[in-house]
Amino acid sequence: MQTHTAAPAPRAAPDRFLIGILIGIATLLVVAAGSVALLQRPAPLLPAGTPSGTIQRFYQALEQHDYDGAFGFLSDQMEQKPTRAAFVHSASAQGGPDGRAERIRIDREQVTAETAIVIVQITHFYRSGPFTGSSEWTDTQTFQLQQDAGIWRITTLPYPY
């Protein structure tokens, strides 16, 4: 009696096109993650003893909801200086809705003797949903500062403060 053994079924060759697509998707994900990581790097900290460094720290305090700390950058020589309570109320109201982000860039600094002007560009981003898109706009804010016992203090706040 003869027995026949069935030959094993041939294995299907891997689909090279599918493998190529998967490798391409993986590469795009790695590049996207790297781009996000690079774009979210914090700006280098400017020297504290400069007008721009003062403004940078003012914005950092606001971003961290340290409104008392931000108020500390205001000069006592400021005309119409808000009370601490009024400043905290105004600054905390600036938080904005979910989906909103800002990029703050110091555009230029002009220093003369004991006064300075720092001009800041703020780009606002608003993401409303995955299918509705986003919007972006930039505005300019000008701060005036004065040296007070060797420390730069803000003497003029721009709108909306």
Protein backbone atom coordinates (compact mmCIF):
# COMPACT_ATOMS: atom_id res chain seq x y z
CA MET A 1 0.00 0.00 0.00
CA GLN A 2 1.26 3.33 -1.00
CA THR A 3 0.72 6.40 1.06
CA HIS A 4 0.93 9.79 -0.38
CA THR A 5 2.00 12.60 1.78
CA ALA A 6 0.73 15.96 0.81
CA ALA A 7 3.39 18.44 -0.08
CA PRO A 8 3.35 21.51 2.14
CA ALA A 9 1.51 24.43 0.66
CA PRO A 10 3.84 27.08 -0.71
CA ARG A 11 4.14 30.15 1.49
CA ALA A 12 2.94 33.36 -0.01
CA ALA A 13 5.72 35.83 -0.65
CA PRO A 14 5.46 38.98 1.45
CA ASP A 15 3.82 41.84 -0.37
CA ARG A 16 6.71 44.24 -0.95
CA PHE A 17 4.38 47.11 -1.76
CA LEU A 18 2.63 46.78 1.61
CA ILE A 19 5.97 46.57 3.43
CA GLY A 20 7.12 49.73 1.62
CA ILE A 21 3.97 51.60 2.68
CA LEU A 22 4.40 50.52 6.31
CA ILE A 23 8.05 51.60 6.34
CA GLY A 24 7.05 54.94 4.79
CA ILE A 25 4.37 55.53 7.44
CA ALA A 26 6.80 54.64 10.24
CA THR A 27 9.38 57.07 8.80
CA LEU A 28 6.81 59.88 8.61
CA LEU A 29 5.77 59.27 12.23
CA VAL A 30 9.39 59.46 13.41
CA VAL A 31 10.00 62.67 11.44
CA ALA A 32 6.77 64.23 12.77
CA ALA A 33 7.65 63.36 16.37
CA GLY A 34 11.13 64.83 15.92
CA SER A 35 9.70 68.03 14.44
CA VAL A 36 7.26 68.47 17.30
CA ALA A 37 10.05 67.93 19.83
CA LEU A 38 12.25 70.53 18.13
CA LEU A 39 9.48 73.10 17.78
CA GLN A 40 8.52 72.85 21.44
CA ARG A 41 12.00 73.67 22.72
CA PRO A 42 11.88 76.57 25.14
CA ALA A 43 13.59 79.76 24.08
CA PRO A 44 17.00 80.33 25.63
CA LEU A 45 16.79 82.38 28.81
CA LEU A 46 17.97 85.94 28.24
CA PRO A 47 20.15 87.65 30.87
CA ALA A 48 18.03 88.83 33.80
CA GLY A 49 19.78 92.21 33.94
CA THR A 50 18.55 93.27 30.50
CA PRO A 51 15.24 94.83 29.45
CA SER A 52 14.49 91.87 27.15
CA GLY A 53 15.29 89.42 29.95
CA THR A 54 12.84 91.28 32.19
CA ILE A 55 10.08 91.07 29.59
CA GLN A 56 10.81 87.39 28.96
CA ARG A 57 10.48 86.65 32.68
CA PHE A 58 7.30 88.75 32.85
CA TYR A 59 5.71 86.56 30.16
CA GLN A 60 7.02 83.37 31.77
CA ALA A 61 5.36 84.37 35.04
CA LEU A 62 2.08 85.03 33.22
CA GLU A 63 2.32 81.70 31.40
CA GLN A 64 2.85 79.88 34.71
CA HIS A 65 -0.10 81.77 36.27
CA ASP A 66 2.30 83.46 38.70
CA TYR A 67 0.45 86.78 38.53
CA ASP A 68 2.02 88.10 41.72
CA GLY A 69 5.45 87.37 40.23
CA ALA A 70 4.51 89.17 37.01
CA PHE A 71 3.23 92.13 39.06
CA GLY A 72 6.66 92.31 40.68
CA PHE A 73 8.16 93.39 37.33
CA LEU A 74 6.07 96.58 37.35
CA SER A 75 7.75 99.80 38.43
CA ASP A 76 6.45 101.88 41.31
CA GLN A 77 7.12 104.85 39.00
CA MET A 78 4.46 103.62 36.57
CA GLU A 79 1.71 106.11 35.77
CA GLN A 80 -1.69 104.60 36.53
CA LYS A 81 -0.13 101.47 38.01
CA PRO A 82 -2.92 98.96 38.62
CA THR A 83 -3.42 97.55 42.05
CA ARG A 84 -2.12 94.03 42.56
CA ALA A 85 -5.72 92.73 42.69
CA ALA A 86 -6.70 94.54 39.47
CA PHE A 87 -3.59 93.27 37.68
CA VAL A 88 -4.15 89.68 38.83
CA HIS A 89 -7.80 89.83 37.75
CA SER A 90 -6.90 91.24 34.30
CA ALA A 91 -3.98 88.88 33.71
CA SER A 92 -5.91 85.78 34.77
CA ALA A 93 -8.75 86.72 32.39
CA GLN A 94 -6.25 86.67 29.49
CA GLY A 95 -5.93 82.86 29.71
CA GLY A 96 -8.16 82.26 26.71
CA PRO A 97 -10.22 79.23 25.68
CA ASP A 98 -8.94 75.72 25.06
CA GLY A 99 -7.23 75.28 21.71
CA ARG A 100 -5.49 78.65 21.87
CA ALA A 101 -1.72 79.00 22.00
CA GLU A 102 0.75 81.82 21.64
CA ARG A 103 4.31 82.20 20.45
CA ILE A 104 6.07 85.21 21.94
CA ARG A 105 9.16 86.65 20.26
CA ILE A 106 11.15 89.67 21.33
CA ASP A 107 11.48 91.67 18.15
CA ARG A 108 13.85 94.42 19.25
CA GLU A 109 15.20 96.33 22.20
CA GLN A 110 16.21 99.99 22.33
CA VAL A 111 18.20 101.06 25.38
CA THR A 112 19.13 104.65 26.20
CA ALA A 113 20.82 105.38 29.54
CA GLU A 114 18.28 104.25 32.16
CA THR A 115 15.24 103.71 29.92
CA ALA A 116 14.41 101.07 27.36
CA ILE A 117 11.73 100.05 24.89
CA VAL A 118 11.14 96.36 24.14
CA ILE A 119 8.93 95.43 21.19
CA VAL A 120 7.35 91.98 21.29
CA GLN A 121 5.62 90.05 18.50
CA ILE A 122 2.90 87.69 19.71
CA THR A 123 1.53 85.14 17.28
CA HIS A 124 -1.79 83.70 18.40
CA PHE A 125 -2.89 80.25 17.22
CA TYR A 126 -6.41 78.97 17.58
CA ARG A 127 -7.31 75.37 16.78
CA SER A 128 -11.05 74.81 16.73
CA GLY A 129 -11.24 71.17 15.68
CA PRO A 130 -9.82 68.47 13.44
CA PHE A 131 -12.08 69.32 10.51
CA THR A 132 -12.65 73.03 10.96
CA GLY A 133 -9.05 74.19 10.61
CA SER A 134 -7.22 76.84 12.58
CA SER A 135 -6.42 80.51 12.48
CA GLU A 136 -3.38 82.57 13.31
CA TRP A 137 -2.72 86.26 13.80
CA THR A 138 0.16 88.37 15.08
CA ASP A 139 0.13 91.56 17.08
CA THR A 140 2.83 93.83 18.42
CA GLN A 141 3.20 94.94 22.02
CA THR A 142 5.52 97.71 23.18
CA PHE A 143 6.87 97.84 26.72
CA GLN A 144 8.70 100.77 28.25
CA LEU A 145 11.13 100.07 31.07
CA GLN A 146 13.24 102.07 33.46
CA GLN A 147 16.18 101.08 35.61
CA ASP A 148 15.39 101.22 39.29
CA ALA A 149 18.41 100.58 41.53
CA GLY A 150 20.04 98.59 38.70
CA ILE A 151 16.94 96.47 38.00
CA TRP A 152 14.81 96.92 34.90
CA ARG A 153 11.14 97.50 35.74
CA ILE A 154 8.17 97.97 33.39
CA THR A 155 6.86 101.54 33.37
CA THR A 156 4.31 101.23 30.54
CA LEU A 157 2.19 98.15 29.91
CA PRO A 158 0.65 97.56 26.49
CA TYR A 159 -2.99 96.72 25.94
CA PRO A 160 -4.64 94.47 27.27
CA TYR A 161 -2.90 94.82 30.62
